[in-house]
C-alpha atoms as a PDB file:
ATOM      1  CA  UNK A   1     -18.083 -66.225  58.714  1.00  0.00           C
ATOM      2  CA  UNK A   2     -19.288 -68.185  61.743  1.00  0.00           C
ATOM      3  CA  UNK A   3     -19.955 -71.929  61.585  1.00  0.00           C
ATOM      4  CA  UNK A   4     -22.318 -73.352  64.199  1.00  0.00           C
ATOM      5  CA  UNK A   5     -22.308 -77.125  64.810  1.00  0.00           C
ATOM      6  CA  UNK A   6     -25.560 -78.595  66.125  1.00  0.00           C
ATOM      7  CA  UNK A   7     -26.486 -82.005  67.376  1.00  0.00           C
ATOM      8  CA  UNK A   8     -29.563 -83.677  65.864  1.00  0.00           C
ATOM      9  CA  UNK A   9     -32.695 -82.005  67.233  1.00  0.00           C
ATOM     10  CA  UNK A  10     -30.925 -78.804  68.338  1.00  0.00           C
ATOM     11  CA  UNK A  11     -31.941 -75.384  67.011  1.00  0.00           C
ATOM     12  CA  UNK A  12     -29.651 -72.410  66.399  1.00  0.00           C
ATOM     13  CA  UNK A  13     -30.541 -68.961  67.768  1.00  0.00           C
ATOM     14  CA  UNK A  14     -30.294 -66.006  65.408  1.00  0.00           C
ATOM     15  CA  UNK A  15     -28.816 -62.696  66.537  1.00  0.00           C
ATOM     16  CA  UNK A  16     -32.302 -61.298  67.033  1.00  0.00           C
ATOM     17  CA  UNK A  17     -33.271 -64.346  69.107  1.00  0.00           C
ATOM     18  CA  UNK A  18     -30.260 -63.934  71.387  1.00  0.00           C
ATOM     19  CA  UNK A  19     -30.950 -60.263  71.949  1.00  0.00           C
ATOM     20  CA  UNK A  20     -34.688 -60.706  72.426  1.00  0.00           C
ATOM     21  CA  UNK A  21     -34.231 -63.522  74.966  1.00  0.00           C
ATOM     22  CA  UNK A  22     -31.693 -61.478  76.887  1.00  0.00           C
ATOM     23  CA  UNK A  23     -33.832 -58.350  76.820  1.00  0.00           C
ATOM     24  CA  UNK A  24     -36.733 -60.245  78.329  1.00  0.00           C
ATOM     25  CA  UNK A  25     -34.692 -60.553  81.507  1.00  0.00           C
ATOM     26  CA  UNK A  26     -33.131 -57.105  81.447  1.00  0.00           C
ATOM     27  CA  UNK A  27     -33.607 -54.374  84.034  1.00  0.00           C
ATOM     28  CA  UNK A  28     -32.780 -50.684  83.619  1.00  0.00           C
ATOM     29  CA  UNK A  29     -29.530 -49.715  81.919  1.00  0.00           C
ATOM     30  CA  UNK A  30     -28.707 -53.370  81.267  1.00  0.00           C
ATOM     31  CA  UNK A  31     -27.949 -53.948  84.957  1.00  0.00           C
ATOM     32  CA  UNK A  32     -28.736 -57.643  84.560  1.00  0.00           C
ATOM     33  CA  UNK A  33     -27.852 -58.140  80.921  1.00  0.00           C
ATOM     34  CA  UNK A  34     -25.699 -61.176  80.186  1.00  0.00           C
ATOM     35  CA  UNK A  35     -22.468 -61.325  78.255  1.00  0.00           C
ATOM     36  CA  UNK A  36     -24.332 -62.417  75.110  1.00  0.00           C
ATOM     37  CA  UNK A  37     -26.000 -59.013  74.746  1.00  0.00           C
ATOM     38  CA  UNK A  38     -22.762 -57.134  75.430  1.00  0.00           C
ATOM     39  CA  UNK A  39     -21.011 -59.192  72.780  1.00  0.00           C
ATOM     40  CA  UNK A  40     -23.970 -58.899  70.416  1.00  0.00           C
ATOM     41  CA  UNK A  41     -23.944 -55.100  70.638  1.00  0.00           C
ATOM     42  CA  UNK A  42     -20.166 -54.772  70.311  1.00  0.00           C
ATOM     43  CA  UNK A  43     -20.144 -55.023  66.494  1.00  0.00           C
ATOM     44  CA  UNK A  44     -22.406 -54.158  63.553  1.00  0.00           C
ATOM     45  CA  UNK A  45     -24.894 -52.335  65.785  1.00  0.00           C
ATOM     46  CA  UNK A  46     -26.981 -50.736  63.021  1.00  0.00           C
ATOM     47  CA  UNK A  47     -27.599 -54.043  61.259  1.00  0.00           C
ATOM     48  CA  UNK A  48     -28.627 -55.733  64.497  1.00  0.00           C
ATOM     49  CA  UNK A  49     -31.038 -52.956  65.380  1.00  0.00           C
ATOM     50  CA  UNK A  50     -32.486 -53.428  61.910  1.00  0.00           C
ATOM     51  CA  UNK A  51     -33.002 -57.123  62.717  1.00  0.00           C
ATOM     52  CA  UNK A  52     -34.960 -56.119  65.787  1.00  0.00           C
ATOM     53  CA  UNK A  53     -37.126 -53.729  63.798  1.00  0.00           C
ATOM     54  CA  UNK A  54     -37.936 -56.576  61.437  1.00  0.00           C
ATOM     55  CA  UNK A  55     -38.744 -58.795  64.397  1.00  0.00           C
ATOM     56  CA  UNK A  56     -41.263 -56.239  65.626  1.00  0.00           C
ATOM     57  CA  UNK A  57     -42.755 -55.492  62.204  1.00  0.00           C
ATOM     58  CA  UNK A  58     -43.365 -59.205  61.755  1.00  0.00           C
ATOM     59  CA  UNK A  59     -45.190 -59.601  65.036  1.00  0.00           C
ATOM     60  CA  UNK A  60     -48.566 -59.413  63.299  1.00  0.00           C
ATOM     61  CA  UNK A  61     -49.946 -56.614  65.499  1.00  0.00           C
ATOM     62  CA  UNK A  62     -52.153 -53.914  64.003  1.00  0.00           C
ATOM     63  CA  UNK A  63     -53.455 -50.481  64.909  1.00  0.00           C
ATOM     64  CA  UNK A  64     -56.502 -51.857  66.716  1.00  0.00           C
ATOM     65  CA  UNK A  65     -54.305 -53.973  68.980  1.00  0.00           C
ATOM     66  CA  UNK A  66     -52.036 -51.001  69.681  1.00  0.00           C
ATOM     67  CA  UNK A  67     -54.949 -48.949  70.963  1.00  0.00           C
ATOM     68  CA  UNK A  68     -56.094 -51.659  73.367  1.00  0.00           C
ATOM     69  CA  UNK A  69     -55.289 -50.842  76.970  1.00  0.00           C
ATOM     70  CA  UNK A  70     -56.273 -53.348  79.654  1.00  0.00           C
ATOM     71  CA  UNK A  71     -54.742 -56.724  80.412  1.00  0.00           C
ATOM     72  CA  UNK A  72     -58.065 -58.377  79.627  1.00  0.00           C
ATOM     73  CA  UNK A  73     -58.135 -56.771  76.169  1.00  0.00           C
ATOM     74  CA  UNK A  74     -54.536 -57.585  75.182  1.00  0.00           C
ATOM     75  CA  UNK A  75     -53.090 -60.327  77.444  1.00  0.00           C
ATOM     76  CA  UNK A  76     -50.228 -61.081  75.016  1.00  0.00           C
ATOM     77  CA  UNK A  77     -48.748 -57.626  75.601  1.00  0.00           C
ATOM     78  CA  UNK A  78     -48.420 -58.346  79.335  1.00  0.00           C
ATOM     79  CA  UNK A  79     -46.667 -61.693  78.955  1.00  0.00           C
ATOM     80  CA  UNK A  80     -43.442 -61.895  80.942  1.00  0.00           C
ATOM     81  CA  UNK A  81     -44.323 -58.957  83.202  1.00  0.00           C
ATOM     82  CA  UNK A  82     -44.252 -59.396  86.966  1.00  0.00           C
ATOM     83  CA  UNK A  83     -46.629 -56.557  87.741  1.00  0.00           C
ATOM     84  CA  UNK A  84     -49.951 -55.716  89.330  1.00  0.00           C
ATOM     85  CA  UNK A  85     -50.641 -53.136  86.646  1.00  0.00           C
ATOM     86  CA  UNK A  86     -53.974 -53.569  84.890  1.00  0.00           C
ATOM     87  CA  UNK A  87     -53.284 -51.399  81.834  1.00  0.00           C
ATOM     88  CA  UNK A  88     -50.509 -50.680  79.351  1.00  0.00           C
ATOM     89  CA  UNK A  89     -50.478 -47.053  80.453  1.00  0.00           C
ATOM     90  CA  UNK A  90     -49.866 -48.059  84.055  1.00  0.00           C
ATOM     91  CA  UNK A  91     -46.997 -50.343  83.026  1.00  0.00           C
ATOM     92  CA  UNK A  92     -45.373 -47.579  80.991  1.00  0.00           C
ATOM     93  CA  UNK A  93     -45.971 -45.016  83.766  1.00  0.00           C
ATOM     94  CA  UNK A  94     -44.085 -47.262  86.186  1.00  0.00           C
ATOM     95  CA  UNK A  95     -41.363 -47.862  83.613  1.00  0.00           C
ATOM     96  CA  UNK A  96     -40.673 -44.120  83.406  1.00  0.00           C
ATOM     97  CA  UNK A  97     -40.741 -43.882  87.190  1.00  0.00           C
ATOM     98  CA  UNK A  98     -38.159 -46.655  87.443  1.00  0.00           C
ATOM     99  CA  UNK A  99     -35.774 -44.770  85.190  1.00  0.00           C
ATOM    100  CA  UNK A 100     -36.104 -41.528  87.136  1.00  0.00           C
ATOM    101  CA  UNK A 101     -35.796 -43.380  90.446  1.00  0.00           C
ATOM    102  CA  UNK A 102     -32.570 -44.809  89.067  1.00  0.00           C
ATOM    103  CA  UNK A 103     -31.199 -41.300  88.486  1.00  0.00           C
ATOM    104  CA  UNK A 104     -32.248 -40.296  92.013  1.00  0.00           C
ATOM    105  CA  UNK A 105     -30.646 -43.415  93.505  1.00  0.00           C
ATOM    106  CA  UNK A 106     -27.383 -42.750  91.658  1.00  0.00           C
ATOM    107  CA  UNK A 107     -27.397 -39.131  92.867  1.00  0.00           C
ATOM    108  CA  UNK A 108     -28.480 -39.775  96.461  1.00  0.00           C
ATOM    109  CA  UNK A 109     -24.975 -39.742  97.929  1.00  0.00           C
ATOM    110  CA  UNK A 110     -24.308 -36.281  96.521  1.00  0.00           C
ATOM    111  CA  UNK A 111     -27.726 -35.042  97.665  1.00  0.00           C
ATOM    112  CA  UNK A 112     -27.108 -36.294 101.207  1.00  0.00           C
ATOM    113  CA  UNK A 113     -23.579 -34.882 101.357  1.00  0.00           C
ATOM    114  CA  UNK A 114     -24.806 -31.520 100.110  1.00  0.00           C
ATOM    115  CA  UNK A 115     -27.864 -31.616 102.403  1.00  0.00           C
ATOM    116  CA  UNK A 116     -30.091 -30.671  99.456  1.00  0.00           C
ATOM    117  CA  UNK A 117     -32.757 -33.185 100.379  1.00  0.00           C
ATOM    118  CA  UNK A 118     -35.471 -30.974  98.937  1.00  0.00           C
ATOM    119  CA  UNK A 119     -34.411 -32.310  95.514  1.00  0.00           C
ATOM    120  CA  UNK A 120     -35.603 -35.772  96.559  1.00  0.00           C
ATOM    121  CA  UNK A 121     -38.857 -34.303  97.841  1.00  0.00           C
ATOM    122  CA  UNK A 122     -39.450 -32.431  94.589  1.00  0.00           C
ATOM    123  CA  UNK A 123     -39.090 -35.508  92.394  1.00  0.00           C
ATOM    124  CA  UNK A 124     -41.386 -37.512  94.673  1.00  0.00           C
ATOM    125  CA  UNK A 125     -44.035 -34.786  94.475  1.00  0.00           C
ATOM    126  CA  UNK A 126     -44.230 -35.165  90.712  1.00  0.00           C
ATOM    127  CA  UNK A 127     -44.464 -38.956  91.014  1.00  0.00           C
ATOM    128  CA  UNK A 128     -41.035 -39.557  89.503  1.00  0.00           C
ATOM    129  CA  UNK A 129     -42.178 -38.274  86.104  1.00  0.00           C
ATOM    130  CA  UNK A 130     -44.187 -41.363  85.273  1.00  0.00           C
ATOM    131  CA  UNK A 131     -46.050 -39.379  82.622  1.00  0.00           C
ATOM    132  CA  UNK A 132     -42.994 -39.334  80.357  1.00  0.00           C
ATOM    133  CA  UNK A 133     -44.069 -42.716  78.955  1.00  0.00           C
ATOM    134  CA  UNK A 134     -47.815 -42.505  79.648  1.00  0.00           C
ATOM    135  CA  UNK A 135     -49.781 -41.923  76.439  1.00  0.00           C
ATOM    136  CA  UNK A 136     -52.830 -40.797  78.445  1.00  0.00           C
ATOM    137  CA  UNK A 137     -50.968 -38.095  80.384  1.00  0.00           C
ATOM    138  CA  UNK A 138     -52.374 -35.204  78.343  1.00  0.00           C
ATOM    139  CA  UNK A 139     -55.904 -36.528  78.809  1.00  0.00           C
ATOM    140  CA  UNK A 140     -55.371 -36.604  82.563  1.00  0.00           C
ATOM    141  CA  UNK A 141     -54.168 -32.995  82.553  1.00  0.00           C
ATOM    142  CA  UNK A 142     -57.162 -31.844  80.514  1.00  0.00           C
ATOM    143  CA  UNK A 143     -59.358 -33.513  83.082  1.00  0.00           C
ATOM    144  CA  UNK A 144     -57.802 -31.571  85.926  1.00  0.00           C
ATOM    145  CA  UNK A 145     -54.464 -33.253  86.472  1.00  0.00           C
ATOM    146  CA  UNK A 146     -52.657 -33.775  89.727  1.00  0.00           C
ATOM    147  CA  UNK A 147     -52.892 -30.903  92.224  1.00  0.00           C
ATOM    148  CA  UNK A 148     -49.443 -31.451  93.723  1.00  0.00           C
ATOM    149  CA  UNK A 149     -47.882 -31.451  90.256  1.00  0.00           C
ATOM    150  CA  UNK A 150     -49.594 -28.185  89.325  1.00  0.00           C
ATOM    151  CA  UNK A 151     -48.482 -26.636  92.619  1.00  0.00           C
ATOM    152  CA  UNK A 152     -44.919 -27.758  91.964  1.00  0.00           C
ATOM    153  CA  UNK A 153     -45.113 -26.202  88.491  1.00  0.00           C
ATOM    154  CA  UNK A 154     -46.195 -22.916  90.023  1.00  0.00           C
ATOM    155  CA  UNK A 155     -43.452 -22.966  92.642  1.00  0.00           C
ATOM    156  CA  UNK A 156     -40.812 -23.779  90.055  1.00  0.00           C
ATOM    157  CA  UNK A 157     -41.962 -20.909  87.844  1.00  0.00           C
ATOM    158  CA  UNK A 158     -41.706 -18.482  90.765  1.00  0.00           C
ATOM    159  CA  UNK A 159     -38.230 -19.693  91.599  1.00  0.00           C
ATOM    160  CA  UNK A 160     -37.213 -19.299  87.960  1.00  0.00           C
ATOM    161  CA  UNK A 161     -38.368 -15.675  87.968  1.00  0.00           C
ATOM    162  CA  UNK A 162     -35.942 -15.216  90.833  1.00  0.00           C
ATOM    163  CA  UNK A 163     -33.331 -17.112  88.833  1.00  0.00           C
ATOM    164  CA  UNK A 164     -33.501 -14.522  86.051  1.00  0.00           C
ATOM    165  CA  UNK A 165     -32.682 -11.685  88.449  1.00  0.00           C
ATOM    166  CA  UNK A 166     -29.849 -13.663  89.983  1.00  0.00           C
ATOM    167  CA  UNK A 167     -28.698 -14.722  86.542  1.00  0.00           C
ATOM    168  CA  UNK A 168     -28.121 -11.111  85.427  1.00  0.00           C
ATOM    169  CA  UNK A 169     -26.273 -10.283  88.620  1.00  0.00           C
ATOM    170  CA  UNK A 170     -23.949 -13.265  88.282  1.00  0.00           C
ATOM    171  CA  UNK A 171     -23.486 -13.372  84.516  1.00  0.00           C
ATOM    172  CA  UNK A 172     -19.968 -11.921  84.603  1.00  0.00           C
ATOM    173  CA  UNK A 173     -18.876 -14.647  87.008  1.00  0.00           C
ATOM    174  CA  UNK A 174     -20.244 -17.339  84.704  1.00  0.00           C
ATOM    175  CA  UNK A 175     -18.430 -15.911  81.695  1.00  0.00           C
ATOM    176  CA  UNK A 176     -15.163 -15.863  83.642  1.00  0.00           C
ATOM    177  CA  UNK A 177     -15.527 -19.474  84.810  1.00  0.00           C
ATOM    178  CA  UNK A 178     -17.041 -21.047  81.684  1.00  0.00           C
ATOM    179  CA  UNK A 179     -17.148 -20.503  77.942  1.00  0.00           C
ATOM    180  CA  UNK A 180     -19.737 -18.107  76.506  1.00  0.00           C
ATOM    181  CA  UNK A 181     -21.473 -20.668  74.274  1.00  0.00           C
ATOM    182  CA  UNK A 182     -22.060 -23.009  77.211  1.00  0.00           C
ATOM    183  CA  UNK A 183     -23.223 -20.091  79.334  1.00  0.00           C
ATOM    184  CA  UNK A 184     -25.734 -19.012  76.700  1.00  0.00           C
ATOM    185  CA  UNK A 185     -27.083 -22.539  76.213  1.00  0.00           C
ATOM    186  CA  UNK A 186     -27.555 -23.161  79.916  1.00  0.00           C
ATOM    187  CA  UNK A 187     -29.112 -19.757  80.599  1.00  0.00           C
ATOM    188  CA  UNK A 188     -32.194 -20.930  78.715  1.00  0.00           C
ATOM    189  CA  UNK A 189     -32.923 -23.338  81.573  1.00  0.00           C
ATOM    190  CA  UNK A 190     -33.820 -20.397  83.799  1.00  0.00           C
ATOM    191  CA  UNK A 191     -36.322 -18.958  81.315  1.00  0.00           C
ATOM    192  CA  UNK A 192     -38.812 -21.769  80.748  1.00  0.00           C
ATOM    193  CA  UNK A 193     -41.710 -20.754  82.974  1.00  0.00           C
ATOM    194  CA  UNK A 194     -43.951 -20.700  79.906  1.00  0.00           C
ATOM    195  CA  UNK A 195     -43.228 -24.373  79.331  1.00  0.00           C
ATOM    196  CA  UNK A 196     -44.517 -27.127  81.599  1.00  0.00           C
ATOM    197  CA  UNK A 197     -41.287 -29.042  82.204  1.00  0.00           C
ATOM    198  CA  UNK A 198     -42.785 -31.259  84.884  1.00  0.00           C
ATOM    199  CA  UNK A 199     -45.655 -33.093  83.209  1.00  0.00           C
ATOM    200  CA  UNK A 200     -44.673 -33.582  79.592  1.00  0.00           C
ATOM    201  CA  UNK A 201     -45.262 -36.879  77.864  1.00  0.00           C
ATOM    202  CA  UNK A 202     -42.759 -38.029  75.281  1.00  0.00           C
ATOM    203  CA  UNK A 203     -45.174 -39.951  73.063  1.00  0.00           C
ATOM    204  CA  UNK A 204     -48.308 -39.114  71.117  1.00  0.00           C
ATOM    205  CA  UNK A 205     -51.755 -40.341  72.139  1.00  0.00           C
ATOM    206  CA  UNK A 206     -51.169 -43.629  70.287  1.00  0.00           C
ATOM    207  CA  UNK A 207     -48.009 -44.275  72.307  1.00  0.00           C
ATOM    208  CA  UNK A 208     -45.492 -43.624  69.526  1.00  0.00           C
ATOM    209  CA  UNK A 209     -42.083 -42.292  70.524  1.00  0.00           C
ATOM    210  CA  UNK A 210     -39.571 -40.569  68.245  1.00  0.00           C
ATOM    211  CA  UNK A 211     -35.852 -40.345  68.889  1.00  0.00           C
ATOM    212  CA  UNK A 212     -34.898 -36.763  69.784  1.00  0.00           C
ATOM    213  CA  UNK A 213     -31.386 -37.075  68.418  1.00  0.00           C
ATOM    214  CA  UNK A 214     -27.950 -37.113  69.964  1.00  0.00           C
ATOM    215  CA  UNK A 215     -27.351 -34.742  72.881  1.00  0.00           C
ATOM    216  CA  UNK A 216     -25.561 -32.173  70.700  1.00  0.00           C
ATOM    217  CA  UNK A 217     -27.977 -32.231  67.760  1.00  0.00           C
ATOM    218  CA  UNK A 218     -31.366 -30.504  67.428  1.00  0.00           C
ATOM    219  CA  UNK A 219     -33.099 -33.626  66.081  1.00  0.00           C
ATOM    220  CA  UNK A 220     -32.594 -37.216  64.982  1.00  0.00           C
ATOM    221  CA  UNK A 221     -31.305 -37.604  61.410  1.00  0.00           C
ATOM    222  CA  UNK A 222     -33.202 -40.890  61.035  1.00  0.00           C
ATOM    223  CA  UNK A 223     -36.696 -39.612  61.849  1.00  0.00           C
ATOM    224  CA  UNK A 224     -37.635 -38.830  58.243  1.00  0.00           C
ATOM    225  CA  UNK A 225     -37.166 -42.495  57.359  1.00  0.00           C
ATOM    226  CA  UNK A 226     -39.090 -43.512  60.513  1.00  0.00           C
ATOM    227  CA  UNK A 227     -36.202 -45.743  61.500  1.00  0.00           C
ATOM    228  CA  UNK A 228     -35.872 -44.281  64.980  1.00  0.00           C
ATOM    229  CA  UNK A 229     -39.531 -44.502  65.906  1.00  0.00           C
ATOM    230  CA  UNK A 230     -41.087 -47.045  68.256  1.00  0.00           C
ATOM    231  CA  UNK A 231     -44.466 -47.759  69.827  1.00  0.00           C
ATOM    232  CA  UNK A 232     -44.031 -49.956  72.922  1.00  0.00           C
ATOM    233  CA  UNK A 233     -47.829 -50.087  73.266  1.00  0.00           C
ATOM    234  CA  UNK A 234     -47.961 -52.080  70.031  1.00  0.00           C
ATOM    235  CA  UNK A 235     -46.629 -55.470  71.122  1.00  0.00           C
ATOM    236  CA  UNK A 236     -44.692 -57.352  73.755  1.00  0.00           C
ATOM    237  CA  UNK A 237     -41.643 -57.304  71.481  1.00  0.00           C
ATOM    238  CA  UNK A 238     -41.811 -53.524  71.044  1.00  0.00           C
ATOM    239  CA  UNK A 239     -42.260 -53.039  74.794  1.00  0.00           C
ATOM    240  CA  UNK A 240     -39.138 -55.104  75.478  1.00  0.00           C
ATOM    241  CA  UNK A 241     -37.113 -53.350  72.787  1.00  0.00           C
ATOM    242  CA  UNK A 242     -38.062 -49.940  74.199  1.00  0.00           C
ATOM    243  CA  UNK A 243     -35.905 -50.758  77.219  1.00  0.00           C
ATOM    244  CA  UNK A 244     -32.783 -50.091  75.145  1.00  0.00           C
ATOM    245  CA  UNK A 245     -33.929 -46.538  74.362  1.00  0.00           C
ATOM    246  CA  UNK A 246     -32.308 -44.085  76.767  1.00  0.00           C
ATOM    247  CA  UNK A 247     -33.140 -40.872  78.565  1.00  0.00           C
ATOM    248  CA  UNK A 248     -29.821 -39.140  77.999  1.00  0.00           C
ATOM    249  CA  UNK A 249     -28.625 -36.126  80.005  1.00  0.00           C
ATOM    250  CA  UNK A 250     -27.276 -33.349  77.760  1.00  0.00           C
ATOM    251  CA  UNK A 251     -25.360 -31.957  80.731  1.00  0.00           C
ATOM    252  CA  UNK A 252     -24.144 -35.241  82.133  1.00  0.00           C
ATOM    253  CA  UNK A 253     -25.383 -36.377  85.519  1.00  0.00           C
ATOM    254  CA  UNK A 254     -22.300 -38.169  86.851  1.00  0.00           C
ATOM    255  CA  UNK A 255     -19.526 -36.204  85.133  1.00  0.00           C
ATOM    256  CA  UNK A 256     -20.991 -32.722  85.487  1.00  0.00           C
ATOM    257  CA  UNK A 257     -24.201 -32.234  87.500  1.00  0.00           C
ATOM    258  CA  UNK A 258     -23.198 -34.220  90.593  1.00  0.00           C
ATOM    259  CA  UNK A 259     -19.814 -32.450  90.952  1.00  0.00           C
ATOM    260  CA  UNK A 260     -21.609 -29.123  90.484  1.00  0.00           C
ATOM    261  CA  UNK A 261     -24.058 -29.978  93.291  1.00  0.00           C
ATOM    262  CA  UNK A 262     -21.157 -30.725  95.634  1.00  0.00           C
ATOM    263  CA  UNK A 263     -19.362 -27.539  94.575  1.00  0.00           C
ATOM    264  CA  UNK A 264     -22.471 -25.420  95.158  1.00  0.00           C
ATOM    265  CA  UNK A 265     -23.035 -27.012  98.563  1.00  0.00           C
ATOM    266  CA  UNK A 266     -19.454 -26.284  99.594  1.00  0.00           C
ATOM    267  CA  UNK A 267     -19.669 -22.653  98.495  1.00  0.00           C
ATOM    268  CA  UNK A 268     -23.034 -22.230 100.242  1.00  0.00           C
ATOM    269  CA  UNK A 269     -21.486 -23.253 103.566  1.00  0.00           C
ATOM    270  CA  UNK A 270     -18.469 -20.981 103.156  1.00  0.00           C
ATOM    271  CA  UNK A 271     -20.392 -17.956 101.893  1.00  0.00           C
ATOM    272  CA  UNK A 272     -23.768 -18.562 103.599  1.00  0.00           C
ATOM    273  CA  UNK A 273     -25.691 -18.635 100.326  1.00  0.00           C
ATOM    274  CA  UNK A 274     -28.890 -20.488  99.423  1.00  0.00           C
ATOM    275  CA  UNK A 275     -28.466 -23.200  96.790  1.00  0.00           C
ATOM    276  CA  UNK A 276     -30.906 -23.126  93.876  1.00  0.00           C
ATOM    277  CA  UNK A 277     -32.289 -26.648  94.225  1.00  0.00           C
ATOM    278  CA  UNK A 278     -34.723 -26.127  91.352  1.00  0.00           C
ATOM    279  CA  UNK A 279     -31.859 -25.614  88.923  1.00  0.00           C
ATOM    280  CA  UNK A 280     -30.219 -28.924  89.832  1.00  0.00           C
ATOM    281  CA  UNK A 281     -33.590 -30.677  89.971  1.00  0.00           C
ATOM    282  CA  UNK A 282     -34.227 -29.444  86.423  1.00  0.00           C
ATOM    283  CA  UNK A 283     -30.885 -30.767  85.186  1.00  0.00           C
ATOM    284  CA  UNK A 284     -31.303 -34.161  86.832  1.00  0.00           C
ATOM    285  CA  UNK A 285     -34.880 -35.036  86.029  1.00  0.00           C
ATOM    286  CA  UNK A 286     -36.684 -32.808  83.525  1.00  0.00           C
ATOM    287  CA  UNK A 287     -36.856 -32.666  79.751  1.00  0.00           C
ATOM    288  CA  UNK A 288     -34.948 -29.397  79.830  1.00  0.00           C
ATOM    289  CA  UNK A 289     -31.861 -31.590  80.098  1.00  0.00           C
ATOM    290  CA  UNK A 290     -33.091 -35.057  79.101  1.00  0.00           C
ATOM    291  CA  UNK A 291     -33.496 -36.376  75.566  1.00  0.00           C
ATOM    292  CA  UNK A 292     -35.113 -39.677  74.636  1.00  0.00           C
ATOM    293  CA  UNK A 293     -32.732 -41.382  72.233  1.00  0.00           C
ATOM    294  CA  UNK A 294     -32.499 -44.550  70.175  1.00  0.00           C
ATOM    295  CA  UNK A 295     -29.454 -46.617  71.120  1.00  0.00           C
ATOM    296  CA  UNK A 296     -27.680 -45.575  67.893  1.00  0.00           C
ATOM    297  CA  UNK A 297     -28.038 -41.909  68.922  1.00  0.00           C
ATOM    298  CA  UNK A 298     -26.864 -42.490  72.492  1.00  0.00           C
ATOM    299  CA  UNK A 299     -23.386 -40.958  72.702  1.00  0.00           C
ATOM    300  CA  UNK A 300     -21.628 -42.329  75.784  1.00  0.00           C
ATOM    301  CA  UNK A 301     -18.575 -40.143  75.282  1.00  0.00           C
ATOM    302  CA  UNK A 302     -17.989 -36.972  77.279  1.00  0.00           C
ATOM    303  CA  UNK A 303     -20.506 -34.207  76.538  1.00  0.00           C
ATOM    304  CA  UNK A 304     -18.815 -30.872  76.060  1.00  0.00           C
ATOM    305  CA  UNK A 305     -21.285 -28.799  78.076  1.00  0.00           C
ATOM    306  CA  UNK A 306     -21.185 -27.623  81.677  1.00  0.00           C
ATOM    307  CA  UNK A 307     -23.502 -26.360  84.390  1.00  0.00           C
ATOM    308  CA  UNK A 308     -23.964 -22.608  84.739  1.00  0.00           C
ATOM    309  CA  UNK A 309     -22.417 -21.230  87.967  1.00  0.00           C
ATOM    310  CA  UNK A 310     -24.639 -18.150  87.662  1.00  0.00           C
ATOM    311  CA  UNK A 311     -27.619 -20.377  88.455  1.00  0.00           C
ATOM    312  CA  UNK A 312     -26.197 -22.231  91.465  1.00  0.00           C
ATOM    313  CA  UNK A 313     -27.666 -19.856  94.045  1.00  0.00           C
ATOM    314  CA  UNK A 314     -30.862 -17.928  94.740  1.00  0.00           C
ATOM    315  CA  UNK A 315     -29.111 -14.952  96.383  1.00  0.00           C
END
């Protein structure tokens, strides 16, 4: 039990108040989060997330407000934002871009050392996957979409057809260097040309997101109870809370993908082979290897899955 002593006229902050106030100032991955949030999250996480859900459900927003888009229609939603964006969709588009830019920034040293700068070019061409959080992304595609994105899709599909031929040739090597189950799971990444991995949105047309479950599970166990569902288009509070949802790499970026990039680059120099940039691009930035997860489903421990050496090269 915690006793809080207040002077006359002072007000006590609840756990939800502390977290909400801290989240208002937070940037990606809690880079600027204060010690209060770290301490707040250190114990009884599920109960505190429940407090936040109650905070949002009590915000008094309804379906009509959720569907509003422009700053003139729903000014409350934009409160606290330092942005030139004129619509919710634009704010969320930039939010997704910021996350992907963060992954690129954290991987830049490896990309420069390996001289695989085409990876940076590829992610820029698809506008840093801003459509991940944009509820109007499908509408834009039906209306014609972005030409550079469609071209990139086509190029990636062609490269993946080449991947399949290379994959068969190198499969014995992969089995010798890695376990069969990992090899089988990763081989699927080279066979997705029927799926548009570059322009998928993660929400429905109302803006509702569902947790996709921990990295090693096919789905979220809480989805049936709608506990791991959020619509950041609904209210300012929901938009702020969405910042603690994560895009989690199944094959981990820092522990696994970055070392694999450096290994592939080293081998390519020694053996004069062409590195398969599309494979590493896919692992770093696309939904083939990213899952949107509620903070409860975000496992920060080591993921027991590796890159596939059979897909490192195009020759």
